[in-house]
Amino acid sequence: MTTTQQQTAAEHPPVVLVRHGATDWSTARRHTGRTDVPLNRDGEAQAVALAPSMAALASRGPLRILVSPLQRAWRTAELAGLTPYTLDDDLVEWDYGAYEGLTTPQIRTRAPGWTVFSQPCPDGETAADVAARCDQVLARIAEPSSAVTTVVVAHSHLLRSLAVRWLDRPVSDGGMLELGVASTCVLGAEHGVRSLRHWNLANPLVADPLA
């Protein structure tokens, strides 16, 4: 990390990541990329349960809220009280191409040992594609004009990729992070070095995630 990046990390407010609530596909562990699957009943309840901690977060000061344009993300934001928000096309989930809708065991009948972080998705995105999108998001977050706490509401593989790019690590390292539905994470910095302050905090939270 360059000196400028270290200063930006040290001076900029933290970034809060929120994964959307459950859908029928996520419950079945089907890879859900660009298919616009809605929250199911459990997912809506999980999103509502996020509201108290998000309200505590908002009580600290203004929030900049960036949300994937897929409905499972923006509906989670709305039910959690994270409004108004800005839709950001760079926050859509990884494009799984030919593997869309399949489970990992199903994919591994074609590609033994496959994970999205270690092997390609035919007709889908590469790790480099996703890294480029994440870097664009992080560049916008780091702009001096946006020096407020940012909340990002998006998807499992995208948020895991965003977190490791925050740490200046390759997207493939995202495979070492687990992220449950409707969970909350905080990206921060200590002594000028970017860090994971909190990861995969279970929902519902009753406290301010920055406390």
N, C-alpha and C. Protein backbone atom coordinates (compact mmCIF):
# COMPACT_ATOMS: atom_id res chain seq x y z
N MET A 1 0.85 -1.20 0.00
CA MET A 1 0.00 0.00 0.00
C MET A 1 0.88 1.24 0.00
N THR A 2 0.57 2.21 -0.83
CA THR A 2 1.35 3.43 -0.90
C THR A 2 1.07 4.31 0.31
N THR A 3 1.96 5.31 0.51
CA THR A 3 1.77 6.23 1.63
C THR A 3 0.43 6.96 1.52
N THR A 4 0.05 7.35 0.30
CA THR A 4 -1.23 8.03 0.09
C THR A 4 -2.39 7.13 0.47
N GLN A 5 -2.31 5.86 0.06
CA GLN A 5 -3.37 4.91 0.41
C GLN A 5 -3.45 4.72 1.91
N GLN A 6 -2.29 4.67 2.58
CA GLN A 6 -2.29 4.50 4.03
C GLN A 6 -2.94 5.70 4.70
N GLN A 7 -2.63 6.91 4.22
CA GLN A 7 -3.24 8.10 4.81
C GLN A 7 -4.74 8.09 4.59
N THR A 8 -5.17 7.70 3.37
CA THR A 8 -6.60 7.63 3.08
C THR A 8 -7.28 6.64 4.01
N ALA A 9 -6.64 5.48 4.21
CA ALA A 9 -7.22 4.46 5.08
C ALA A 9 -7.33 4.96 6.51
N ALA A 10 -6.31 5.69 6.95
CA ALA A 10 -6.30 6.15 8.33
C ALA A 10 -7.32 7.26 8.57
N GLU A 11 -7.52 8.12 7.56
CA GLU A 11 -8.33 9.31 7.76
C GLU A 11 -9.79 9.11 7.40
N HIS A 12 -10.08 8.16 6.51
CA HIS A 12 -11.45 8.00 6.03
C HIS A 12 -12.27 7.21 7.03
N PRO A 13 -13.55 7.55 7.22
CA PRO A 13 -14.41 6.78 8.11
C PRO A 13 -14.51 5.32 7.68
N PRO A 14 -14.93 4.45 8.60
CA PRO A 14 -15.05 3.03 8.26
C PRO A 14 -16.13 2.77 7.22
N VAL A 15 -16.07 1.59 6.66
CA VAL A 15 -17.04 1.14 5.66
C VAL A 15 -17.77 -0.06 6.24
N VAL A 16 -19.10 0.02 6.27
CA VAL A 16 -19.93 -1.05 6.82
C VAL A 16 -20.52 -1.86 5.67
N LEU A 17 -20.33 -3.17 5.71
CA LEU A 17 -20.86 -4.06 4.69
C LEU A 17 -22.05 -4.83 5.24
N VAL A 18 -23.11 -4.93 4.47
CA VAL A 18 -24.30 -5.69 4.88
C VAL A 18 -24.67 -6.63 3.74
N ARG A 19 -24.72 -7.93 4.05
CA ARG A 19 -25.22 -8.87 3.05
C ARG A 19 -26.74 -8.91 3.11
N HIS A 20 -27.37 -9.08 1.97
CA HIS A 20 -28.83 -9.15 1.92
C HIS A 20 -29.37 -10.35 2.70
N GLY A 21 -30.66 -10.31 2.99
CA GLY A 21 -31.31 -11.42 3.68
C GLY A 21 -31.51 -12.64 2.79
N ALA A 22 -32.07 -13.67 3.38
CA ALA A 22 -32.20 -14.96 2.70
C ALA A 22 -33.18 -14.90 1.54
N THR A 23 -32.89 -15.71 0.53
CA THR A 23 -33.80 -15.96 -0.59
C THR A 23 -33.99 -17.47 -0.68
N ASP A 24 -34.94 -17.90 -1.49
CA ASP A 24 -35.11 -19.34 -1.68
C ASP A 24 -33.85 -19.96 -2.29
N TRP A 25 -33.20 -19.23 -3.16
CA TRP A 25 -31.98 -19.77 -3.78
C TRP A 25 -30.81 -19.81 -2.80
N SER A 26 -30.65 -18.79 -1.96
CA SER A 26 -29.54 -18.82 -1.00
C SER A 26 -29.77 -19.92 0.03
N THR A 27 -31.01 -20.14 0.42
CA THR A 27 -31.31 -21.20 1.37
C THR A 27 -30.97 -22.57 0.78
N ALA A 28 -31.20 -22.73 -0.52
CA ALA A 28 -30.86 -23.98 -1.20
C ALA A 28 -29.40 -24.02 -1.63
N ARG A 29 -28.65 -22.95 -1.32
CA ARG A 29 -27.22 -22.85 -1.63
C ARG A 29 -26.96 -22.89 -3.15
N ARG A 30 -27.90 -22.31 -3.90
CA ARG A 30 -27.74 -22.17 -5.34
C ARG A 30 -27.00 -20.87 -5.64
N HIS A 31 -26.07 -20.90 -6.55
CA HIS A 31 -25.33 -19.70 -6.91
C HIS A 31 -26.27 -18.70 -7.59
N THR A 32 -26.42 -17.56 -6.94
CA THR A 32 -27.37 -16.55 -7.39
C THR A 32 -26.60 -15.31 -7.79
N GLY A 33 -26.32 -15.18 -9.07
CA GLY A 33 -25.58 -14.03 -9.55
C GLY A 33 -26.50 -12.93 -10.00
N ARG A 34 -26.82 -12.90 -11.29
CA ARG A 34 -27.62 -11.83 -11.85
C ARG A 34 -29.12 -12.14 -11.85
N THR A 35 -29.51 -13.37 -11.50
CA THR A 35 -30.93 -13.69 -11.40
C THR A 35 -31.54 -12.87 -10.27
N ASP A 36 -32.61 -12.14 -10.56
CA ASP A 36 -33.16 -11.18 -9.60
C ASP A 36 -34.17 -11.85 -8.67
N VAL A 37 -33.64 -12.71 -7.80
CA VAL A 37 -34.48 -13.47 -6.88
C VAL A 37 -34.87 -12.58 -5.69
N PRO A 38 -36.14 -12.57 -5.28
CA PRO A 38 -36.55 -11.73 -4.15
C PRO A 38 -36.20 -12.36 -2.81
N LEU A 39 -36.22 -11.56 -1.77
CA LEU A 39 -36.14 -12.10 -0.41
C LEU A 39 -37.32 -13.02 -0.16
N ASN A 40 -37.08 -14.08 0.61
CA ASN A 40 -38.20 -14.88 1.07
C ASN A 40 -38.68 -14.34 2.42
N ARG A 41 -39.61 -15.02 3.03
CA ARG A 41 -40.17 -14.51 4.30
C ARG A 41 -39.10 -14.39 5.37
N ASP A 42 -38.23 -15.39 5.46
CA ASP A 42 -37.14 -15.31 6.44
C ASP A 42 -36.23 -14.12 6.14
N GLY A 43 -35.92 -13.92 4.86
CA GLY A 43 -35.04 -12.82 4.48
C GLY A 43 -35.62 -11.46 4.83
N GLU A 44 -36.92 -11.30 4.66
CA GLU A 44 -37.54 -10.03 5.04
C GLU A 44 -37.47 -9.82 6.55
N ALA A 45 -37.70 -10.88 7.31
CA ALA A 45 -37.61 -10.76 8.77
C ALA A 45 -36.18 -10.43 9.20
N GLN A 46 -35.21 -11.03 8.54
CA GLN A 46 -33.81 -10.75 8.86
C GLN A 46 -33.47 -9.30 8.57
N ALA A 47 -33.99 -8.77 7.47
CA ALA A 47 -33.72 -7.38 7.12
C ALA A 47 -34.34 -6.43 8.14
N VAL A 48 -35.55 -6.72 8.55
CA VAL A 48 -36.21 -5.89 9.57
C VAL A 48 -35.40 -5.93 10.87
N ALA A 49 -34.86 -7.10 11.21
CA ALA A 49 -34.09 -7.24 12.45
C ALA A 49 -32.80 -6.43 12.43
N LEU A 50 -32.34 -6.04 11.26
CA LEU A 50 -31.14 -5.19 11.16
C LEU A 50 -31.42 -3.75 11.53
N ALA A 51 -32.67 -3.34 11.52
CA ALA A 51 -33.01 -1.92 11.66
C ALA A 51 -32.46 -1.26 12.93
N PRO A 52 -32.56 -1.88 14.12
CA PRO A 52 -32.03 -1.19 15.31
C PRO A 52 -30.54 -0.87 15.23
N SER A 53 -29.73 -1.80 14.76
CA SER A 53 -28.30 -1.53 14.68
C SER A 53 -27.99 -0.51 13.60
N MET A 54 -28.76 -0.52 12.51
CA MET A 54 -28.55 0.49 11.48
C MET A 54 -28.98 1.87 11.96
N ALA A 55 -30.02 1.93 12.79
CA ALA A 55 -30.43 3.20 13.37
C ALA A 55 -29.36 3.73 14.32
N ALA A 56 -28.75 2.84 15.09
CA ALA A 56 -27.66 3.25 15.97
C ALA A 56 -26.49 3.79 15.16
N LEU A 57 -26.22 3.16 14.05
CA LEU A 57 -25.16 3.62 13.17
C LEU A 57 -25.48 5.01 12.62
N ALA A 58 -26.71 5.21 12.18
CA ALA A 58 -27.11 6.49 11.62
C ALA A 58 -27.07 7.61 12.66
N SER A 59 -27.26 7.24 13.93
CA SER A 59 -27.25 8.26 14.99
C SER A 59 -25.87 8.89 15.17
N ARG A 60 -24.84 8.25 14.64
CA ARG A 60 -23.48 8.78 14.75
C ARG A 60 -23.23 9.94 13.79
N GLY A 61 -24.01 10.00 12.72
CA GLY A 61 -23.80 11.04 11.73
C GLY A 61 -24.30 10.60 10.37
N PRO A 62 -24.12 11.44 9.36
CA PRO A 62 -24.63 11.11 8.02
C PRO A 62 -24.02 9.81 7.48
N LEU A 63 -24.83 9.10 6.71
CA LEU A 63 -24.38 7.87 6.06
C LEU A 63 -24.46 8.04 4.55
N ARG A 64 -23.52 7.46 3.86
CA ARG A 64 -23.61 7.30 2.42
C ARG A 64 -23.94 5.83 2.19
N ILE A 65 -25.07 5.54 1.56
CA ILE A 65 -25.55 4.17 1.42
C ILE A 65 -25.52 3.78 -0.05
N LEU A 66 -24.72 2.77 -0.37
CA LEU A 66 -24.58 2.26 -1.72
C LEU A 66 -25.16 0.85 -1.76
N VAL A 67 -26.01 0.59 -2.74
CA VAL A 67 -26.78 -0.65 -2.76
C VAL A 67 -26.74 -1.27 -4.16
N SER A 68 -26.62 -2.58 -4.20
CA SER A 68 -26.74 -3.31 -5.46
C SER A 68 -28.14 -3.09 -6.04
N PRO A 69 -28.26 -3.01 -7.37
CA PRO A 69 -29.58 -2.82 -7.98
C PRO A 69 -30.45 -4.06 -7.99
N LEU A 70 -29.95 -5.20 -7.54
CA LEU A 70 -30.77 -6.40 -7.48
C LEU A 70 -31.71 -6.31 -6.28
N GLN A 71 -32.95 -6.78 -6.45
CA GLN A 71 -33.99 -6.50 -5.46
C GLN A 71 -33.71 -7.10 -4.09
N ARG A 72 -33.00 -8.21 -4.03
CA ARG A 72 -32.72 -8.78 -2.70
C ARG A 72 -31.85 -7.85 -1.87
N ALA A 73 -31.07 -7.00 -2.55
CA ALA A 73 -30.24 -6.03 -1.83
C ALA A 73 -31.02 -4.78 -1.48
N TRP A 74 -31.69 -4.17 -2.48
CA TRP A 74 -32.37 -2.91 -2.14
C TRP A 74 -33.55 -3.12 -1.21
N ARG A 75 -34.19 -4.28 -1.29
CA ARG A 75 -35.28 -4.56 -0.35
C ARG A 75 -34.73 -4.72 1.06
N THR A 76 -33.57 -5.36 1.19
CA THR A 76 -32.93 -5.46 2.51
C THR A 76 -32.63 -4.07 3.05
N ALA A 77 -32.09 -3.20 2.21
CA ALA A 77 -31.78 -1.83 2.65
C ALA A 77 -33.03 -1.11 3.13
N GLU A 78 -34.11 -1.23 2.38
CA GLU A 78 -35.33 -0.54 2.75
C GLU A 78 -35.90 -1.06 4.07
N LEU A 79 -35.94 -2.37 4.22
CA LEU A 79 -36.51 -2.94 5.45
C LEU A 79 -35.62 -2.66 6.67
N ALA A 80 -34.32 -2.48 6.43
CA ALA A 80 -33.40 -2.18 7.52
C ALA A 80 -33.35 -0.68 7.84
N GLY A 81 -34.10 0.12 7.10
CA GLY A 81 -34.13 1.56 7.33
C GLY A 81 -32.96 2.30 6.72
N LEU A 82 -32.26 1.67 5.79
CA LEU A 82 -31.11 2.29 5.15
C LEU A 82 -31.56 3.06 3.91
N THR A 83 -32.16 4.20 4.15
CA THR A 83 -32.65 5.06 3.08
C THR A 83 -32.32 6.51 3.42
N PRO A 84 -32.19 7.36 2.42
CA PRO A 84 -32.17 7.06 0.99
C PRO A 84 -30.85 6.40 0.61
N TYR A 85 -30.87 5.68 -0.51
CA TYR A 85 -29.67 4.98 -0.94
C TYR A 85 -29.43 5.27 -2.42
N THR A 86 -28.22 4.94 -2.84
CA THR A 86 -27.83 5.07 -4.25
C THR A 86 -27.58 3.68 -4.81
N LEU A 87 -28.21 3.36 -5.92
CA LEU A 87 -27.95 2.09 -6.59
C LEU A 87 -26.62 2.17 -7.33
N ASP A 88 -25.82 1.13 -7.18
CA ASP A 88 -24.49 1.10 -7.78
C ASP A 88 -24.34 -0.20 -8.56
N ASP A 89 -24.26 -0.08 -9.88
CA ASP A 89 -24.17 -1.27 -10.73
C ASP A 89 -22.92 -2.10 -10.46
N ASP A 90 -21.88 -1.49 -9.93
CA ASP A 90 -20.66 -2.25 -9.63
C ASP A 90 -20.83 -3.18 -8.45
N LEU A 91 -21.95 -3.09 -7.74
CA LEU A 91 -22.18 -3.93 -6.57
C LEU A 91 -23.02 -5.17 -6.86
N VAL A 92 -23.37 -5.41 -8.13
CA VAL A 92 -24.10 -6.64 -8.42
C VAL A 92 -23.22 -7.84 -8.11
N GLU A 93 -23.85 -8.98 -7.90
CA GLU A 93 -23.12 -10.18 -7.54
C GLU A 93 -22.27 -10.68 -8.71
N TRP A 94 -21.30 -11.50 -8.40
CA TRP A 94 -20.45 -12.17 -9.39
C TRP A 94 -21.35 -12.80 -10.45
N ASP A 95 -20.97 -12.64 -11.71
CA ASP A 95 -21.70 -13.28 -12.81
C ASP A 95 -21.17 -14.71 -12.95
N TYR A 96 -22.01 -15.69 -12.58
CA TYR A 96 -21.58 -17.09 -12.58
C TYR A 96 -21.72 -17.76 -13.95
N GLY A 97 -22.24 -17.04 -14.92
CA GLY A 97 -22.33 -17.58 -16.26
C GLY A 97 -23.09 -18.90 -16.31
N ALA A 98 -22.47 -19.93 -16.85
CA ALA A 98 -23.11 -21.24 -17.01
C ALA A 98 -23.41 -21.92 -15.68
N TYR A 99 -22.82 -21.43 -14.61
CA TYR A 99 -23.04 -22.04 -13.29
C TYR A 99 -24.17 -21.38 -12.51
N GLU A 100 -24.82 -20.39 -13.10
CA GLU A 100 -25.93 -19.70 -12.42
C GLU A 100 -27.01 -20.70 -12.01
N GLY A 101 -27.42 -20.62 -10.75
CA GLY A 101 -28.50 -21.47 -10.25
C GLY A 101 -28.06 -22.84 -9.77
N LEU A 102 -26.79 -23.18 -9.95
CA LEU A 102 -26.29 -24.49 -9.54
C LEU A 102 -25.68 -24.41 -8.14
N THR A 103 -25.64 -25.54 -7.45
CA THR A 103 -24.95 -25.62 -6.17
C THR A 103 -23.49 -26.01 -6.42
N THR A 104 -22.65 -25.81 -5.41
CA THR A 104 -21.24 -26.20 -5.56
C THR A 104 -21.09 -27.69 -5.86
N PRO A 105 -21.79 -28.60 -5.15
CA PRO A 105 -21.66 -30.02 -5.50
C PRO A 105 -22.04 -30.31 -6.96
N GLN A 106 -23.06 -29.63 -7.46
CA GLN A 106 -23.43 -29.83 -8.87
C GLN A 106 -22.32 -29.36 -9.81
N ILE A 107 -21.74 -28.21 -9.50
CA ILE A 107 -20.67 -27.68 -10.35
C ILE A 107 -19.46 -28.60 -10.31
N ARG A 108 -19.19 -29.19 -9.14
CA ARG A 108 -18.00 -30.03 -9.00
C ARG A 108 -18.11 -31.36 -9.74
N THR A 109 -19.30 -31.71 -10.20
CA THR A 109 -19.39 -32.89 -11.08
C THR A 109 -18.77 -32.57 -12.44
N ARG A 110 -18.70 -31.28 -12.79
CA ARG A 110 -18.09 -30.85 -14.04
C ARG A 110 -16.64 -30.40 -13.82
N ALA A 111 -16.41 -29.74 -12.68
CA ALA A 111 -15.10 -29.14 -12.40
C ALA A 111 -14.70 -29.51 -10.97
N PRO A 112 -14.04 -30.66 -10.78
CA PRO A 112 -13.69 -31.11 -9.42
C PRO A 112 -12.91 -30.05 -8.64
N GLY A 113 -13.31 -29.88 -7.38
CA GLY A 113 -12.63 -28.94 -6.50
C GLY A 113 -12.97 -27.48 -6.76
N TRP A 114 -13.96 -27.23 -7.61
CA TRP A 114 -14.28 -25.85 -8.01
C TRP A 114 -14.73 -25.00 -6.84
N THR A 115 -14.24 -23.76 -6.81
CA THR A 115 -14.87 -22.65 -6.07
C THR A 115 -14.81 -21.45 -6.98
N VAL A 116 -15.68 -20.50 -6.74
CA VAL A 116 -15.70 -19.31 -7.58
C VAL A 116 -14.40 -18.52 -7.47
N PHE A 117 -13.70 -18.66 -6.33
CA PHE A 117 -12.47 -17.92 -6.12
C PHE A 117 -11.25 -18.59 -6.73
N SER A 118 -11.38 -19.87 -7.09
CA SER A 118 -10.20 -20.59 -7.56
C SER A 118 -10.25 -21.05 -9.00
N GLN A 119 -11.47 -21.15 -9.57
CA GLN A 119 -11.60 -21.63 -10.94
C GLN A 119 -12.61 -20.77 -11.68
N PRO A 120 -12.54 -20.74 -13.00
CA PRO A 120 -13.40 -19.83 -13.78
C PRO A 120 -14.86 -20.27 -13.83
N CYS A 121 -15.70 -19.32 -14.21
CA CYS A 121 -17.12 -19.56 -14.49
C CYS A 121 -17.31 -19.43 -16.00
N PRO A 122 -17.56 -20.51 -16.70
CA PRO A 122 -17.75 -20.39 -18.15
C PRO A 122 -18.84 -19.39 -18.50
N ASP A 123 -18.53 -18.50 -19.43
CA ASP A 123 -19.47 -17.46 -19.88
C ASP A 123 -19.79 -16.45 -18.79
N GLY A 124 -19.04 -16.47 -17.69
CA GLY A 124 -19.27 -15.52 -16.61
C GLY A 124 -18.09 -14.60 -16.40
N GLU A 125 -18.02 -14.01 -15.21
CA GLU A 125 -16.93 -13.09 -14.89
C GLU A 125 -15.70 -13.83 -14.39
N THR A 126 -14.56 -13.19 -14.59
CA THR A 126 -13.32 -13.66 -14.01
C THR A 126 -13.06 -12.93 -12.70
N ALA A 127 -12.10 -13.45 -11.93
CA ALA A 127 -11.71 -12.76 -10.70
C ALA A 127 -11.19 -11.36 -11.00
N ALA A 128 -10.50 -11.21 -12.12
CA ALA A 128 -10.00 -9.89 -12.50
C ALA A 128 -11.15 -8.92 -12.78
N ASP A 129 -12.22 -9.41 -13.41
CA ASP A 129 -13.39 -8.57 -13.66
C ASP A 129 -13.98 -8.06 -12.35
N VAL A 130 -14.13 -8.97 -11.40
CA VAL A 130 -14.74 -8.61 -10.11
C VAL A 130 -13.81 -7.67 -9.34
N ALA A 131 -12.52 -7.93 -9.39
CA ALA A 131 -11.56 -7.05 -8.72
C ALA A 131 -11.66 -5.63 -9.27
N ALA A 132 -11.81 -5.49 -10.58
CA ALA A 132 -11.91 -4.17 -11.18
C ALA A 132 -13.15 -3.43 -10.69
N ARG A 133 -14.26 -4.14 -10.59
CA ARG A 133 -15.49 -3.51 -10.09
C ARG A 133 -15.32 -3.07 -8.63
N CYS A 134 -14.73 -3.95 -7.83
CA CYS A 134 -14.52 -3.62 -6.42
C CYS A 134 -13.60 -2.41 -6.27
N ASP A 135 -12.56 -2.36 -7.07
CA ASP A 135 -11.63 -1.23 -6.98
C ASP A 135 -12.31 0.07 -7.36
N GLN A 136 -13.24 0.02 -8.31
CA GLN A 136 -13.98 1.23 -8.68
C GLN A 136 -14.86 1.70 -7.52
N VAL A 137 -15.50 0.75 -6.83
CA VAL A 137 -16.32 1.10 -5.68
C VAL A 137 -15.45 1.73 -4.58
N LEU A 138 -14.33 1.10 -4.28
CA LEU A 138 -13.47 1.60 -3.21
C LEU A 138 -12.88 2.96 -3.56
N ALA A 139 -12.60 3.20 -4.84
CA ALA A 139 -12.10 4.50 -5.25
C ALA A 139 -13.13 5.59 -5.01
N ARG A 140 -14.39 5.28 -5.27
CA ARG A 140 -15.46 6.27 -5.04
C ARG A 140 -15.65 6.50 -3.54
N ILE A 141 -15.56 5.43 -2.76
CA ILE A 141 -15.70 5.58 -1.32
C ILE A 141 -14.59 6.44 -0.74
N ALA A 142 -13.40 6.34 -1.31
CA ALA A 142 -12.23 7.05 -0.78
C ALA A 142 -12.16 8.51 -1.21
N GLU A 143 -13.06 8.95 -2.08
CA GLU A 143 -13.03 10.34 -2.53
C GLU A 143 -13.24 11.28 -1.34
N PRO A 144 -12.45 12.37 -1.27
CA PRO A 144 -12.59 13.31 -0.15
C PRO A 144 -14.01 13.83 0.02
N SER A 145 -14.74 13.96 -1.10
CA SER A 145 -16.10 14.49 -1.03
C SER A 145 -17.08 13.53 -0.36
N SER A 146 -16.65 12.27 -0.16
CA SER A 146 -17.54 11.28 0.45
C SER A 146 -17.03 10.85 1.82
N ALA A 147 -16.43 11.77 2.55
CA ALA A 147 -15.81 11.44 3.83
C ALA A 147 -16.85 11.30 4.94
N VAL A 148 -17.77 10.38 4.74
CA VAL A 148 -18.73 10.00 5.78
C VAL A 148 -18.72 8.47 5.82
N THR A 149 -19.29 7.91 6.87
CA THR A 149 -19.39 6.46 6.94
C THR A 149 -20.22 5.95 5.78
N THR A 150 -19.70 4.96 5.08
CA THR A 150 -20.39 4.36 3.95
C THR A 150 -20.93 3.00 4.34
N VAL A 151 -22.18 2.74 3.97
CA VAL A 151 -22.79 1.42 4.15
C VAL A 151 -23.01 0.83 2.77
N VAL A 152 -22.55 -0.39 2.57
CA VAL A 152 -22.69 -1.09 1.29
C VAL A 152 -23.59 -2.30 1.52
N VAL A 153 -24.69 -2.38 0.79
CA VAL A 153 -25.61 -3.51 0.88
C VAL A 153 -25.52 -4.29 -0.42
N ALA A 154 -25.05 -5.52 -0.33
CA ALA A 154 -24.82 -6.27 -1.57
C ALA A 154 -24.83 -7.77 -1.27
N HIS A 155 -23.92 -8.51 -1.89
CA HIS A 155 -24.01 -9.97 -2.00
C HIS A 155 -22.76 -10.65 -1.46
N SER A 156 -22.87 -11.94 -1.19
CA SER A 156 -21.81 -12.67 -0.50
C SER A 156 -20.47 -12.60 -1.22
N HIS A 157 -20.39 -13.08 -2.45
CA HIS A 157 -19.09 -13.13 -3.11
C HIS A 157 -18.57 -11.74 -3.47
N LEU A 158 -19.47 -10.83 -3.80
CA LEU A 158 -19.05 -9.47 -4.09
C LEU A 158 -18.47 -8.80 -2.84
N LEU A 159 -19.15 -8.93 -1.70
CA LEU A 159 -18.67 -8.29 -0.47
C LEU A 159 -17.38 -8.92 0.03
N ARG A 160 -17.23 -10.23 -0.12
CA ARG A 160 -15.98 -10.88 0.26
C ARG A 160 -14.84 -10.39 -0.62
N SER A 161 -15.13 -10.19 -1.90
CA SER A 161 -14.13 -9.65 -2.82
C SER A 161 -13.79 -8.20 -2.46
N LEU A 162 -14.80 -7.43 -2.13
CA LEU A 162 -14.59 -6.03 -1.76
C LEU A 162 -13.70 -5.94 -0.52
N ALA A 163 -13.93 -6.82 0.44
CA ALA A 163 -13.15 -6.79 1.67
C ALA A 163 -11.68 -7.09 1.42
N VAL A 164 -11.40 -8.09 0.61
CA VAL A 164 -9.98 -8.41 0.39
C VAL A 164 -9.31 -7.36 -0.50
N ARG A 165 -10.06 -6.72 -1.39
CA ARG A 165 -9.47 -5.62 -2.16
C ARG A 165 -9.20 -4.42 -1.25
N TRP A 166 -10.05 -4.20 -0.25
CA TRP A 166 -9.78 -3.17 0.76
C TRP A 166 -8.43 -3.42 1.41
N LEU A 167 -8.10 -4.69 1.62
CA LEU A 167 -6.82 -5.07 2.23
C LEU A 167 -5.69 -5.16 1.21
N ASP A 168 -5.98 -4.79 -0.03
CA ASP A 168 -4.99 -4.85 -1.11
C ASP A 168 -4.53 -6.29 -1.36
N ARG A 169 -5.46 -7.23 -1.22
CA ARG A 169 -5.19 -8.64 -1.45
C ARG A 169 -5.95 -9.08 -2.71
N PRO A 170 -5.52 -10.18 -3.34
CA PRO A 170 -6.23 -10.65 -4.53
C PRO A 170 -7.62 -11.17 -4.19
N VAL A 171 -8.51 -11.09 -5.16
CA VAL A 171 -9.88 -11.56 -4.95
C VAL A 171 -9.91 -13.02 -4.52
N SER A 172 -8.95 -13.82 -4.96
CA SER A 172 -8.92 -15.23 -4.58
C SER A 172 -8.88 -15.43 -3.07
N ASP A 173 -8.35 -14.45 -2.33
CA ASP A 173 -8.32 -14.56 -0.87
C ASP A 173 -9.71 -14.48 -0.25
N GLY A 174 -10.69 -14.03 -1.01
CA GLY A 174 -12.06 -13.99 -0.49
C GLY A 174 -12.59 -15.35 -0.12
N GLY A 175 -12.00 -16.40 -0.67
CA GLY A 175 -12.41 -17.75 -0.32
C GLY A 175 -12.13 -18.12 1.12
N MET A 176 -11.32 -17.33 1.82
CA MET A 176 -11.01 -17.60 3.22
C MET A 176 -11.98 -16.91 4.17
N LEU A 177 -12.95 -16.18 3.63
CA LEU A 177 -13.91 -15.47 4.46
C LEU A 177 -15.29 -16.09 4.29
N GLU A 178 -16.00 -16.28 5.40
CA GLU A 178 -17.39 -16.72 5.35
C GLU A 178 -18.30 -15.53 5.62
N LEU A 179 -19.48 -15.55 5.00
CA LEU A 179 -20.39 -14.41 5.17
C LEU A 179 -21.83 -14.91 5.11
N GLY A 180 -22.50 -14.87 6.24
CA GLY A 180 -23.88 -15.33 6.33
C GLY A 180 -24.87 -14.30 5.83
N VAL A 181 -26.08 -14.75 5.55
CA VAL A 181 -27.13 -13.82 5.11
C VAL A 181 -27.43 -12.81 6.21
N ALA A 182 -27.69 -11.59 5.79
CA ALA A 182 -28.06 -10.48 6.68
C ALA A 182 -27.01 -10.21 7.75
N SER A 183 -25.77 -10.59 7.48
CA SER A 183 -24.70 -10.31 8.42
C SER A 183 -24.07 -8.95 8.12
N THR A 184 -23.32 -8.43 9.11
CA THR A 184 -22.71 -7.11 9.02
C THR A 184 -21.21 -7.23 9.24
N CYS A 185 -20.45 -6.43 8.50
CA CYS A 185 -18.99 -6.39 8.63
C CYS A 185 -18.55 -4.92 8.65
N VAL A 186 -17.38 -4.68 9.20
CA VAL A 186 -16.83 -3.32 9.22
C VAL A 186 -15.39 -3.35 8.74
N LEU A 187 -15.11 -2.55 7.71
CA LEU A 187 -13.75 -2.36 7.22
C LEU A 187 -13.20 -1.09 7.87
N GLY A 188 -12.03 -1.20 8.45
CA GLY A 188 -11.46 -0.05 9.13
C GLY A 188 -9.99 0.11 8.83
N ALA A 189 -9.27 0.75 9.74
CA ALA A 189 -7.83 0.94 9.61
C ALA A 189 -7.25 1.18 10.99
N GLU A 190 -6.03 0.72 11.18
CA GLU A 190 -5.32 0.95 12.44
C GLU A 190 -3.89 1.34 12.12
N HIS A 191 -3.48 2.49 12.65
CA HIS A 191 -2.13 3.01 12.41
C HIS A 191 -1.82 3.09 10.92
N GLY A 192 -2.82 3.49 10.13
CA GLY A 192 -2.60 3.68 8.72
C GLY A 192 -2.64 2.42 7.89
N VAL A 193 -2.96 1.30 8.51
CA VAL A 193 -3.02 0.02 7.80
C VAL A 193 -4.47 -0.43 7.75
N ARG A 194 -4.98 -0.71 6.56
CA ARG A 194 -6.36 -1.15 6.44
C ARG A 194 -6.58 -2.48 7.14
N SER A 195 -7.76 -2.65 7.71
CA SER A 195 -8.02 -3.83 8.52
C SER A 195 -9.48 -4.27 8.38
N LEU A 196 -9.76 -5.48 8.84
CA LEU A 196 -11.12 -5.95 9.07
C LEU A 196 -11.42 -5.74 10.54
N ARG A 197 -12.22 -4.72 10.84
CA ARG A 197 -12.53 -4.43 12.25
C ARG A 197 -13.51 -5.45 12.81
N HIS A 198 -14.54 -5.77 12.03
CA HIS A 198 -15.51 -6.81 12.41
C HIS A 198 -15.85 -7.59 11.16
N TRP A 199 -16.11 -8.89 11.33
CA TRP A 199 -16.47 -9.69 10.16
C TRP A 199 -17.59 -10.66 10.52
N ASN A 200 -18.58 -10.75 9.64
CA ASN A 200 -19.66 -11.74 9.74
C ASN A 200 -20.39 -11.67 11.07
N LEU A 201 -20.71 -10.45 11.50
CA LEU A 201 -21.47 -10.27 12.74
C LEU A 201 -22.89 -10.80 12.52
N ALA A 202 -23.31 -11.66 13.41
CA ALA A 202 -24.60 -12.33 13.23
C ALA A 202 -25.75 -11.34 13.39
N ASN A 203 -26.79 -11.57 12.63
CA ASN A 203 -28.03 -10.80 12.71
C ASN A 203 -29.00 -11.54 13.64
N PRO A 204 -29.77 -10.87 14.52
CA PRO A 204 -29.79 -9.42 14.64
C PRO A 204 -28.76 -8.88 15.62
N LEU A 205 -28.22 -7.73 15.28
CA LEU A 205 -27.39 -7.00 16.21
C LEU A 205 -28.30 -6.09 17.04
N VAL A 206 -27.93 -5.89 18.26
CA VAL A 206 -28.70 -4.96 19.10
C VAL A 206 -27.88 -3.73 19.42
N ALA A 207 -26.63 -3.73 18.96
CA ALA A 207 -25.74 -2.62 19.27
C ALA A 207 -25.26 -1.95 18.00
N ASP A 208 -24.67 -0.81 18.17
CA ASP A 208 -24.04 -0.08 17.08
C ASP A 208 -22.86 -0.91 16.57
N PRO A 209 -22.79 -1.26 15.28
CA PRO A 209 -21.67 -2.06 14.79
C PRO A 209 -20.32 -1.37 14.87
N LEU A 210 -20.31 -0.04 15.07
CA LEU A 210 -19.05 0.67 15.22
C LEU A 210 -18.64 0.84 16.66
N ALA A 211 -19.48 0.37 17.59
CA ALA A 211 -19.15 0.54 19.01
C ALA A 211 -17.98 -0.34 19.40
